[in-house]
Amino acid sequence: MRPWILSETNYTQVKDCEYSVAVLPMGATEPHNLHLPYGTDTFQADTIGSRVCEAAWNRGAKVVMLPAIPYGTETNQAKCRLSMNVNPSTLTCVIRDLVDSLNGHGIHKLVILNSHGGNEFKPLLRELHGKTPVQIFLCDWFRGITADVQKEIFEDAGDHAGEMETALGLAFFNDFVLKNDDGSIVADDGAVNATRFDAINNGWVSITRAWHLLTTNTGSGNPHPATAEKGERLMQVIVDRLSTFLVELAASPIDEQFPF
């Protein structure tokens, strides 16, 4: 029993524990090239969250990881078989209800640990700002917190089911990664198609990308250089950085100047 994992712990532990920070892992259910499982984003969020909370707990922070939400926004993968979509407005309602629950239980600090690029939660933070006593923070682990080390660890981290996500899969849920008899992964090279517009291809204009037109087998980024060791290196960076933040957040009083 790990007392920082709500789904594993019990009322005997919880009723007397003054948790100060909640972590909500957000995943998705979608294909990841030919080799990674549909639960990749959820497995990543759960694995990262549990390790980060453990490290923070061991440093004295009373943190609790809520059960991961395994669905995300998949409108751009609507034609990819069994991508399970939850619209942004629905996710907003779910998280708002969970925020209300946390407030009712006296937990006024929440970190959303997002593992799916289709989940855009910054508008939610702006919408709820000033409307709840719960202070909400967002960590897209695949963006800012690891951006500076991705080029050191990976040849090309990739966008979806590429080297970075495959490395985490090999390191932390290897049994679910599809492989050939020789141990190599079953995957294409993750090449993507350009649009007909230079402005979009150059990143000057953005769109919601139709994944069945963008990719061959839903992969964006070459997964083949991935190794478990690379995934472990990335995980250590995330755990070191995010657990330190949780420790600092747990210790910080909420006053009129918070978080400044």
Protein backbone atom coordinates (compact mmCIF):
# COMPACT_ATOMS: atom_id res chain seq x y z
CA MET A 1 0.00 0.00 0.00
CA ARG A 2 1.40 3.34 -1.10
CA PRO A 3 -0.29 6.14 0.86
CA TRP A 4 0.39 8.68 -1.89
CA ILE A 5 -1.74 6.67 -4.36
CA LEU A 6 -5.42 7.23 -3.59
CA SER A 7 -6.62 4.15 -5.47
CA GLU A 8 -4.31 1.90 -3.43
CA THR A 9 -4.70 3.38 0.03
CA ASN A 10 -7.58 3.04 2.48
CA TYR A 11 -9.80 5.07 4.76
CA THR A 12 -7.70 4.16 7.80
CA GLN A 13 -4.80 6.04 6.22
CA VAL A 14 -6.74 8.78 4.48
CA LYS A 15 -9.01 9.93 7.31
CA ASP A 16 -6.06 11.03 9.45
CA CYS A 17 -3.74 12.31 6.71
CA GLU A 18 -3.58 16.04 6.05
CA TYR A 19 -2.91 15.92 2.32
CA SER A 20 -1.88 19.31 0.99
CA VAL A 21 -1.42 18.70 -2.76
CA ALA A 22 -3.38 16.52 -5.18
CA VAL A 23 -1.98 15.32 -8.51
CA LEU A 24 -4.40 14.42 -11.29
CA PRO A 25 -2.88 12.38 -14.15
CA MET A 26 -4.62 12.91 -17.49
CA GLY A 27 -4.23 10.31 -20.22
CA ALA A 28 -5.99 9.22 -23.41
CA THR A 29 -7.11 6.14 -25.31
CA GLU A 30 -5.76 6.17 -28.86
CA PRO A 31 -3.48 4.23 -31.23
CA HIS A 32 0.26 4.89 -31.08
CA ASN A 33 1.78 3.65 -34.34
CA LEU A 34 1.70 -0.15 -34.61
CA HIS A 35 3.73 -1.01 -31.53
CA LEU A 36 2.59 1.00 -28.49
CA PRO A 37 -0.64 0.26 -26.58
CA TYR A 38 -3.77 2.38 -26.73
CA GLY A 39 -3.23 3.23 -23.07
CA THR A 40 0.23 4.71 -23.65
CA ASP A 41 -0.64 8.22 -22.50
CA THR A 42 -2.45 6.91 -19.43
CA PHE A 43 0.37 4.49 -18.56
CA GLN A 44 2.84 7.36 -18.85
CA ALA A 45 0.77 9.71 -16.70
CA ASP A 46 0.27 7.05 -14.05
CA THR A 47 3.91 5.94 -14.04
CA ILE A 48 5.27 9.48 -13.90
CA GLY A 49 2.73 10.58 -11.30
CA SER A 50 3.36 7.67 -8.97
CA ARG A 51 7.13 8.15 -9.05
CA VAL A 52 6.94 11.91 -8.65
CA CYS A 53 4.54 11.63 -5.71
CA GLU A 54 6.67 8.93 -4.07
CA ALA A 55 9.77 11.12 -4.30
CA ALA A 56 7.88 14.10 -2.87
CA TRP A 57 6.31 11.98 -0.09
CA ASN A 58 9.72 10.66 0.91
CA ARG A 59 10.81 14.28 1.34
CA GLY A 60 7.93 14.98 3.70
CA ALA A 61 5.31 16.39 1.33
CA LYS A 62 1.79 15.12 1.93
CA VAL A 63 0.77 14.59 -1.68
CA VAL A 64 -1.90 12.31 -3.11
CA MET A 65 -2.19 11.06 -6.67
CA LEU A 66 -5.77 10.75 -7.86
CA PRO A 67 -6.71 7.92 -10.25
CA ALA A 68 -5.68 8.71 -13.82
CA ILE A 69 -8.39 9.72 -16.26
CA PRO A 70 -7.87 7.46 -19.28
CA TYR A 71 -9.74 9.55 -21.87
CA GLY A 72 -8.79 12.73 -23.68
CA THR A 73 -9.74 14.86 -26.66
CA GLU A 74 -9.41 12.79 -29.85
CA THR A 75 -11.38 14.74 -32.44
CA ASN A 76 -8.40 14.77 -34.80
CA GLN A 77 -8.16 10.96 -34.57
CA ALA A 78 -11.85 10.34 -35.18
CA LYS A 79 -11.09 8.13 -38.19
CA CYS A 80 -8.43 6.11 -36.35
CA ARG A 81 -10.15 2.98 -35.10
CA LEU A 82 -11.23 3.02 -31.44
CA SER A 83 -9.75 6.39 -30.57
CA MET A 84 -12.07 7.30 -27.69
CA ASN A 85 -12.92 10.99 -27.65
CA VAL A 86 -14.00 13.20 -24.76
CA ASN A 87 -14.62 16.77 -25.86
CA PRO A 88 -12.75 19.65 -24.17
CA SER A 89 -16.00 20.97 -22.68
CA THR A 90 -16.69 17.58 -21.11
CA LEU A 91 -13.19 17.34 -19.64
CA THR A 92 -13.68 20.83 -18.24
CA CYS A 93 -16.84 19.71 -16.46
CA VAL A 94 -15.15 16.61 -15.04
CA ILE A 95 -12.15 18.52 -13.73
CA ARG A 96 -14.36 21.28 -12.32
CA ASP A 97 -16.31 18.66 -10.35
CA LEU A 98 -13.08 17.10 -9.06
CA VAL A 99 -11.83 20.54 -8.05
CA ASP A 100 -15.05 21.06 -6.10
CA SER A 101 -14.50 17.70 -4.38
CA LEU A 102 -10.95 18.62 -3.41
CA ASN A 103 -12.14 21.95 -2.05
CA GLY A 104 -14.76 20.18 0.05
CA HIS A 105 -12.03 17.96 1.53
CA GLY A 106 -9.75 20.88 2.33
CA ILE A 107 -7.16 20.27 -0.40
CA HIS A 108 -6.51 23.58 -2.10
CA LYS A 109 -3.59 22.78 -4.42
CA LEU A 110 -3.98 20.69 -7.56
CA VAL A 111 -1.42 19.75 -10.20
CA ILE A 112 -2.83 18.45 -13.47
CA LEU A 113 -0.23 16.07 -14.90
CA ASN A 114 -1.11 15.87 -18.58
CA SER A 115 0.24 13.18 -20.88
CA HIS A 116 -1.80 13.84 -24.04
CA GLY A 117 -1.08 16.58 -26.55
CA GLY A 118 -4.74 16.82 -27.53
CA ASN A 119 -5.66 17.93 -24.00
CA GLU A 120 -5.43 21.71 -23.78
CA PHE A 121 -6.02 22.74 -20.17
CA LYS A 122 -4.70 26.31 -20.07
CA PRO A 123 -8.15 27.74 -20.93
CA LEU A 124 -9.56 25.74 -17.99
CA LEU A 125 -7.02 27.28 -15.62
CA ARG A 126 -8.03 30.74 -16.83
CA GLU A 127 -11.73 29.95 -16.54
CA LEU A 128 -11.47 28.68 -12.97
CA HIS A 129 -9.00 31.33 -11.78
CA GLY A 130 -10.55 33.30 -8.94
CA LYS A 131 -13.68 31.12 -8.92
CA THR A 132 -12.40 28.42 -6.56
CA PRO A 133 -10.10 28.37 -3.54
CA VAL A 134 -8.19 25.55 -5.23
CA GLN A 135 -4.98 26.73 -6.85
CA ILE A 136 -4.49 24.79 -10.09
CA PHE A 137 -1.18 24.10 -11.81
CA LEU A 138 -0.57 22.40 -15.16
CA CYS A 139 2.37 20.21 -16.15
CA ASP A 140 2.48 18.86 -19.70
CA TRP A 141 5.49 16.62 -19.00
CA PHE A 142 6.35 16.28 -22.70
CA ARG A 143 6.69 20.04 -23.11
CA GLY A 144 8.42 22.54 -20.84
CA ILE A 145 9.69 20.36 -18.02
CA THR A 146 11.72 18.15 -20.38
CA ALA A 147 12.22 20.41 -23.41
CA ASP A 148 15.85 21.26 -22.63
CA VAL A 149 16.96 17.63 -22.18
CA GLN A 150 15.05 15.95 -25.00
CA LYS A 151 17.74 16.85 -27.54
CA GLU A 152 20.41 15.50 -25.21
CA ILE A 153 18.68 12.15 -24.77
CA PHE A 154 16.98 11.52 -28.11
CA GLU A 155 17.95 11.73 -31.75
CA ASP A 156 14.45 13.10 -32.39
CA ALA A 157 11.90 12.92 -29.57
CA GLY A 158 9.00 12.81 -32.02
CA ASP A 159 5.45 14.03 -31.78
CA HIS A 160 3.37 10.88 -31.23
CA ALA A 161 4.64 7.33 -30.66
CA GLY A 162 8.12 8.49 -31.65
CA GLU A 163 11.43 7.87 -29.93
CA MET A 164 10.55 9.52 -26.60
CA GLU A 165 7.24 7.77 -26.02
CA THR A 166 8.66 4.47 -27.22
CA ALA A 167 11.61 4.78 -24.84
CA LEU A 168 9.24 5.29 -21.91
CA GLY A 169 7.23 2.29 -23.07
CA LEU A 170 10.32 0.08 -23.28
CA ALA A 171 11.40 1.22 -19.82
CA PHE A 172 8.11 1.13 -17.91
CA PHE A 173 5.49 -0.96 -19.74
CA ASN A 174 7.63 -3.11 -21.95
CA ASP A 175 5.23 -6.08 -21.90
CA PHE A 176 2.72 -4.03 -23.89
CA VAL A 177 5.16 -2.98 -26.63
CA LEU A 178 4.73 -5.12 -29.76
CA LYS A 179 8.00 -6.62 -31.00
CA ASN A 180 9.30 -8.90 -33.71
CA ASP A 181 10.95 -12.23 -32.92
CA ASP A 182 14.36 -10.52 -32.94
CA GLY A 183 13.26 -8.02 -30.30
CA SER A 184 12.87 -5.04 -32.62
CA ILE A 185 9.64 -3.08 -32.37
CA VAL A 186 6.83 -3.54 -34.87
CA ALA A 187 6.44 -0.01 -36.23
CA ASP A 188 6.80 2.14 -39.30
CA ASP A 189 9.19 5.10 -39.31
CA GLY A 190 6.59 7.63 -38.24
CA ALA A 191 6.88 9.80 -41.34
CA VAL A 192 4.20 12.48 -41.72
CA ASN A 193 2.64 14.10 -44.76
CA ALA A 194 2.94 17.80 -45.48
CA THR A 195 -0.15 19.88 -46.13
CA ARG A 196 -0.59 21.82 -49.36
CA PHE A 197 0.06 25.11 -47.51
CA ASP A 198 3.58 26.38 -46.79
CA ALA A 199 2.28 28.55 -43.95
CA ILE A 200 1.03 25.47 -42.11
CA ASN A 201 4.11 23.39 -42.90
CA ASN A 202 6.33 26.20 -41.57
CA GLY A 203 4.32 26.57 -38.38
CA TRP A 204 3.05 30.06 -39.17
CA VAL A 205 -0.57 28.89 -39.17
CA SER A 206 -1.92 26.05 -37.03
CA ILE A 207 -4.77 23.63 -37.58
CA THR A 208 -6.32 20.61 -35.94
CA ARG A 209 -4.53 17.89 -37.87
CA ALA A 210 -6.54 15.03 -39.35
CA TRP A 211 -4.40 12.17 -38.11
CA HIS A 212 -5.49 9.66 -40.77
CA LEU A 213 -4.24 12.06 -43.45
CA LEU A 214 -1.13 13.17 -41.56
CA THR A 215 0.26 9.70 -40.77
CA THR A 216 0.43 6.15 -42.13
CA ASN A 217 -0.25 4.19 -38.92
CA THR A 218 -0.87 7.06 -36.45
CA GLY A 219 2.82 7.47 -35.59
CA SER A 220 4.55 10.83 -35.90
CA GLY A 221 8.28 10.53 -35.29
CA ASN A 222 10.71 7.66 -35.78
CA PRO A 223 10.51 5.23 -32.82
CA HIS A 224 13.31 2.87 -33.84
CA PRO A 225 16.26 4.56 -32.05
CA ALA A 226 14.41 4.28 -28.71
CA THR A 227 15.90 2.33 -25.82
CA ALA A 228 14.74 1.64 -22.28
CA GLU A 229 17.84 3.42 -20.96
CA LYS A 230 16.75 6.63 -22.69
CA GLY A 231 13.33 6.32 -21.10
CA GLU A 232 14.85 5.86 -17.66
CA ARG A 233 17.05 8.93 -18.14
CA LEU A 234 14.05 11.05 -19.09
CA MET A 235 12.03 9.73 -16.16
CA GLN A 236 14.76 10.70 -13.70
CA VAL A 237 14.72 14.28 -14.98
CA ILE A 238 10.95 14.49 -14.64
CA VAL A 239 10.95 12.99 -11.15
CA ASP A 240 13.75 15.24 -9.91
CA ARG A 241 12.18 18.42 -11.23
CA LEU A 242 8.51 17.82 -10.57
CA SER A 243 8.92 16.25 -7.13
CA THR A 244 10.95 19.27 -6.04
CA PHE A 245 8.10 21.49 -7.17
CA LEU A 246 5.58 19.38 -5.23
CA VAL A 247 7.68 19.64 -2.08
CA GLU A 248 7.89 23.41 -2.44
CA LEU A 249 4.18 23.66 -3.27
CA ALA A 250 3.17 21.57 -0.27
CA ALA A 251 5.20 23.78 2.05
CA SER A 252 3.96 27.10 0.66
CA PRO A 253 1.04 28.79 2.44
CA ILE A 254 -1.78 30.17 0.33
CA ASP A 255 -1.96 33.87 1.05
CA GLU A 256 -2.99 36.98 -0.85
CA GLN A 257 0.26 37.01 -2.82
CA PHE A 258 0.26 33.29 -3.69
CA PRO A 259 2.04 32.04 -5.75
CA PHE A 260 4.22 35.15 -5.89
